[in-house]
Protein backbone atom coordinates (compact mmCIF):
# COMPACT_ATOMS: atom_id res chain seq x y z
CA MET A 1 -1.52 -25.52 -1.32
CA GLN A 2 -1.36 -21.82 -1.96
CA PHE A 3 -3.92 -19.49 -3.45
CA SER A 4 -2.74 -17.06 -6.10
CA LYS A 5 -2.35 -13.31 -5.73
CA SER A 6 -5.32 -13.02 -8.09
CA THR A 7 -7.55 -14.58 -5.43
CA ASP A 8 -6.16 -12.14 -2.85
CA TYR A 9 -6.87 -9.17 -5.14
CA ALA A 10 -10.33 -10.47 -6.06
CA LEU A 11 -11.37 -10.84 -2.42
CA HIS A 12 -10.01 -7.42 -1.49
CA ALA A 13 -11.66 -5.80 -4.50
CA LEU A 14 -15.01 -7.32 -3.54
CA VAL A 15 -14.68 -6.09 0.03
CA HIS A 16 -13.87 -2.62 -1.32
CA LEU A 17 -16.92 -2.69 -3.60
CA ALA A 18 -19.13 -3.85 -0.73
CA HIS A 19 -17.73 -1.19 1.60
CA SER A 20 -17.88 1.66 -0.92
CA ASP A 21 -19.35 4.71 0.81
CA THR A 22 -20.72 6.07 -2.45
CA CYS A 23 -23.14 3.12 -2.91
CA ASN A 24 -22.28 3.49 -6.57
CA ASN A 25 -19.96 1.60 -8.80
CA VAL A 26 -16.22 1.87 -8.34
CA GLY A 27 -13.91 2.53 -11.27
CA ILE A 28 -11.03 0.25 -12.10
CA LYS A 29 -8.50 3.05 -11.46
CA GLU A 30 -9.79 3.57 -7.91
CA LEU A 31 -9.82 -0.16 -7.26
CA SER A 32 -6.34 -0.72 -8.66
CA SER A 33 -4.98 2.26 -6.73
CA THR A 34 -6.54 1.03 -3.50
CA LEU A 35 -5.16 -2.48 -3.97
CA GLY A 36 -1.78 -1.41 -5.34
CA VAL A 37 -2.07 -3.44 -8.53
CA SER A 38 -2.04 -2.49 -12.21
CA ASP A 39 -5.29 -1.59 -13.97
CA SER A 40 -4.78 -4.25 -16.63
CA TYR A 41 -4.10 -7.06 -14.15
CA LEU A 42 -7.11 -6.13 -12.03
CA SER A 43 -9.29 -5.77 -15.14
CA LYS A 44 -8.61 -9.43 -15.99
CA ILE A 45 -9.61 -10.48 -12.48
CA MET A 46 -12.75 -8.35 -12.54
CA SER A 47 -13.66 -9.73 -15.95
CA LYS A 48 -13.64 -13.27 -14.53
CA LEU A 49 -15.81 -12.15 -11.62
CA ARG A 50 -18.19 -10.45 -14.04
CA GLN A 51 -18.46 -13.51 -16.28
CA ASP A 52 -19.42 -15.59 -13.27
CA GLY A 53 -22.06 -13.10 -12.07
CA ILE A 54 -20.28 -11.92 -8.93
CA VAL A 55 -19.83 -8.33 -10.12
CA ARG A 56 -21.58 -6.24 -12.71
CA ALA A 57 -19.83 -3.84 -15.08
CA VAL A 58 -21.38 -0.38 -15.28
CA PRO A 59 -20.63 1.23 -18.67
CA GLY A 60 -20.00 4.89 -19.33
CA VAL A 61 -17.63 7.67 -18.38
CA ASN A 62 -18.37 7.21 -14.69
CA GLY A 63 -18.63 3.46 -15.05
CA GLY A 64 -16.89 0.80 -13.10
CA TYR A 65 -17.89 -2.27 -11.13
CA GLU A 66 -20.48 -3.06 -8.51
CA LEU A 67 -21.53 -6.22 -6.74
CA ALA A 68 -24.04 -8.22 -8.76
CA ARG A 69 -25.59 -9.69 -5.62
CA PRO A 70 -25.58 -8.86 -1.89
CA ALA A 71 -22.22 -9.19 -0.15
CA ASP A 72 -23.59 -11.80 2.25
CA GLN A 73 -24.40 -14.02 -0.74
CA ILE A 74 -20.85 -14.00 -2.14
CA THR A 75 -18.84 -16.75 -0.46
CA PHE A 76 -15.09 -17.11 -0.41
CA PHE A 77 -15.66 -20.47 -2.10
CA ASP A 78 -17.48 -18.75 -5.01
CA VAL A 79 -14.60 -16.35 -5.57
CA ILE A 80 -11.86 -18.96 -5.24
CA GLN A 81 -13.59 -21.25 -7.74
CA VAL A 82 -13.83 -18.41 -10.26
CA ILE A 83 -10.20 -17.35 -9.89
CA GLU A 84 -8.42 -20.64 -9.16
CA GLY A 85 -10.67 -22.94 -11.16
CA ARG A 86 -12.96 -25.78 -10.27
CA GLN A 87 -10.52 -28.67 -10.24
CA GLN A 88 -10.01 -31.22 -7.50
CA LEU A 89 -6.99 -30.38 -5.33
CA PHE A 90 -5.70 -33.93 -4.98
CA GLU A 91 -5.78 -36.91 -7.28
CA CYS A 92 -4.15 -40.24 -6.51
CA SER A 93 -1.41 -40.82 -9.05
CA ASN A 94 -0.21 -44.09 -7.61
CA SER A 95 -3.24 -46.34 -8.23
CA ASN A 96 -1.23 -48.98 -10.09
CA SER A 97 1.38 -49.50 -7.39
CA GLN A 98 1.61 -52.67 -5.33
CA GLN A 99 1.13 -50.69 -2.12
CA HIS A 100 -2.04 -49.06 -3.45
CA GLN A 101 -3.46 -52.44 -4.48
CA LEU A 102 -2.71 -53.84 -1.01
CA LEU A 103 -4.41 -50.90 0.75
CA ALA A 104 -7.42 -51.13 -1.55
CA LYS A 105 -7.73 -54.89 -0.90
CA GLU A 106 -7.54 -54.38 2.89
CA GLU A 107 -10.18 -51.69 2.68
CA GLN A 108 -12.51 -53.88 0.65
CA GLU A 109 -12.07 -56.71 3.13
CA GLN A 110 -13.10 -54.42 5.97
CA LYS A 111 -16.12 -53.37 3.86
CA HIS A 112 -15.69 -49.65 4.45
CA LYS A 113 -17.80 -47.62 2.08
CA ARG A 114 -15.58 -44.90 0.67
CA THR A 115 -15.79 -42.68 -2.37
CA SER A 116 -12.44 -43.97 -3.58
CA ASN A 117 -10.38 -47.13 -3.31
CA CYS A 118 -7.31 -45.12 -2.35
CA MET A 119 -7.26 -44.51 1.41
CA ILE A 120 -4.80 -41.64 0.98
CA GLU A 121 -7.11 -40.01 -1.54
CA ASN A 122 -10.03 -40.48 0.90
CA VAL A 123 -8.18 -38.44 3.53
CA MET A 124 -7.29 -35.75 1.03
CA ILE A 125 -10.85 -35.56 -0.34
CA GLY A 126 -12.15 -35.25 3.23
CA ALA A 127 -9.75 -32.38 3.89
CA GLU A 128 -10.78 -30.68 0.66
CA GLN A 129 -14.47 -31.04 1.55
CA SER A 130 -13.84 -29.50 4.98
CA LEU A 131 -11.98 -26.60 3.38
CA HIS A 132 -14.79 -26.04 0.87
CA GLN A 133 -17.38 -26.04 3.66
CA TYR A 134 -15.35 -23.53 5.68
CA LEU A 135 -14.99 -21.25 2.64
CA ARG A 136 -18.75 -21.51 1.95
CA GLU A 137 -19.46 -20.32 5.52
CA HIS A 138 -17.51 -17.08 5.02
CA THR A 139 -18.82 -14.31 2.81
CA ILE A 140 -17.75 -10.86 1.75
CA GLY A 141 -20.58 -9.63 3.97
CA SER A 142 -19.30 -11.56 7.01
CA ILE A 143 -15.88 -9.94 6.59
CA LEU A 144 -17.45 -6.48 6.53
CA GLU A 145 -19.59 -7.32 9.54
CA GLU A 146 -16.54 -8.47 11.49
CA SER A 147 -14.65 -5.35 10.46
CA PHE A 148 -17.49 -3.10 11.63
CA LYS A 149 -17.63 -4.95 14.96
CA ARG A 150 -13.91 -4.44 15.49
CA CYS A 151 -14.13 -0.76 14.58
CA SER A 152 -17.08 -0.28 16.96
CA HIS A 153 -15.22 -2.11 19.70
CA GLU A 154 -12.17 0.12 19.20
CA GLU A 155 -14.37 3.24 19.27
CA HIS A 156 -15.90 2.18 22.59
CA LYS A 157 -12.43 1.67 24.10
CA LYS A 158 -11.54 5.34 23.48
């Protein structure tokens, strides 16, 4: 499994918006320059984030983007779902095979309560749920907080 570059750019753009010293919106040219990506590509990413209520577009000559909610309320999971989509990562494609039927029968005989008859899919769904939980625990705000801690720690070393 690999997340797209769009997810990378979206997360970095959100951190930049949250960290903006001006406390104002940030224009697409500044964002794209900071991230090293084209304006048009980043505009498509920001448009998705806007449609989902993660950022807000500020119109006008000095317009740009700003966070639509506090940084500590924007999880990595939120962003990844917007950019990558909301589909399940794994789906058993072998449910008609003899092996699958045998595993499903053994499972039923042992009376395990699972969300699926496919034991392989159960493992994969469990892994996906763990990943989702981990991504929900990390926010744009938590990244900034960690960054500030590291900077403060480095300053104290000097």
